[in-house]
Amino acid sequence: MAAYKIAARIEKDGGLHLSSLPFRAGDEVEVIVLRRDLESPKGDSSDPLREQLPPVTRRLLGIAQGVSEEDYYLHLEEKYR
């Protein structure tokens, strides 16, 4: 089964509205709701699944976790001069 991940906020009435999903009207889907952990430690390398990712993906995850876009472009300029 293919998974599609999307972030959303619970509405005041406790409801949840999802739109622009990549499914057709009438498709049956399974829904699992997880509370986001906003205080997870950055750069946590203890995750065994993270270690299985290709190196380029791990670098991109590091960028997403706090390296500024400007620093990333500086890195690229230095690397490919």
Protein backbone atom coordinates (compact mmCIF):
# COMPACT_ATOMS: atom_id res chain seq x y z
CA MET A 1 0.00 0.00 0.00
CA ALA A 2 1.41 3.39 -0.98
CA ALA A 3 1.40 6.08 1.70
CA TYR A 4 0.73 9.79 1.32
CA LYS A 5 1.84 12.07 4.14
CA ILE A 6 0.22 15.42 4.84
CA ALA A 7 0.27 17.74 7.85
CA ALA A 8 -2.93 19.34 9.12
CA ARG A 9 -4.34 21.04 12.20
CA ILE A 10 -7.31 19.85 14.20
CA GLU A 11 -10.16 22.34 13.94
CA LYS A 12 -11.86 23.94 16.97
CA ASP A 13 -14.71 21.40 16.81
CA GLY A 14 -12.19 18.53 16.86
CA GLY A 15 -12.64 17.85 13.17
CA LEU A 16 -10.04 17.40 10.50
CA HIS A 17 -10.37 18.56 6.88
CA LEU A 18 -8.03 17.25 4.18
CA SER A 19 -8.07 18.57 0.64
CA SER A 20 -6.06 18.21 -2.57
CA LEU A 21 -5.36 14.56 -1.87
CA PRO A 22 -3.95 12.46 -4.74
CA PHE A 23 -6.96 10.14 -4.85
CA ARG A 24 -10.11 9.98 -6.93
CA ALA A 25 -13.62 10.47 -5.61
CA GLY A 26 -14.91 7.14 -4.36
CA ASP A 27 -11.47 5.66 -3.58
CA GLU A 28 -11.38 3.89 -0.24
CA VAL A 29 -8.48 4.98 1.98
CA GLU A 30 -7.15 4.04 5.39
CA VAL A 31 -6.52 6.96 7.75
CA ILE A 32 -4.06 6.97 10.66
CA VAL A 33 -3.78 10.18 12.68
CA LEU A 34 -0.54 10.83 14.58
CA ARG A 35 0.20 13.80 16.80
CA ARG A 36 3.32 15.60 15.54
CA ASP A 37 6.28 15.66 17.89
CA LEU A 38 7.45 19.26 17.50
CA GLU A 39 10.23 18.91 20.05
CA SER A 40 12.17 16.04 18.49
CA PRO A 41 15.93 16.55 18.70
CA LYS A 42 17.58 17.87 15.54
CA GLY A 43 20.07 15.62 13.82
CA ASP A 44 19.08 12.56 15.84
CA SER A 45 21.18 9.89 14.19
CA SER A 46 19.95 7.14 16.53
CA ASP A 47 17.08 6.38 14.16
CA PRO A 48 17.93 3.03 12.51
CA LEU A 49 15.81 3.81 9.43
CA ARG A 50 17.69 7.08 8.89
CA GLU A 51 20.95 5.13 8.65
CA GLN A 52 19.51 3.10 5.76
CA LEU A 53 18.88 6.20 3.64
CA PRO A 54 21.30 7.11 0.85
CA PRO A 55 23.90 9.72 1.92
CA VAL A 56 22.40 12.44 -0.28
CA THR A 57 19.00 11.97 1.35
CA ARG A 58 20.54 12.18 4.83
CA ARG A 59 22.24 15.45 3.82
CA LEU A 60 18.96 16.86 2.54
CA LEU A 61 17.25 15.90 5.80
CA GLY A 62 19.99 17.77 7.65
CA ILE A 63 19.28 20.85 5.56
CA ALA A 64 15.59 20.58 6.34
CA GLN A 65 16.41 20.44 10.05
CA GLY A 66 18.05 23.80 10.43
CA VAL A 67 20.76 24.66 7.93
CA SER A 68 19.81 27.88 6.19
CA GLU A 69 19.26 27.92 2.46
CA GLU A 70 22.05 30.50 2.15
CA ASP A 71 24.51 28.19 3.90
CA TYR A 72 23.47 25.35 1.63
CA TYR A 73 24.13 27.42 -1.51
CA LEU A 74 27.51 28.51 -0.11
CA HIS A 75 28.34 24.86 0.45
CA LEU A 76 27.39 24.02 -3.15
CA GLU A 77 29.49 26.89 -4.51
CA GLU A 78 32.53 25.75 -2.56
CA LYS A 79 32.04 22.11 -3.50
CA TYR A 80 31.60 22.66 -7.24
CA ARG A 81 34.11 25.43 -7.96
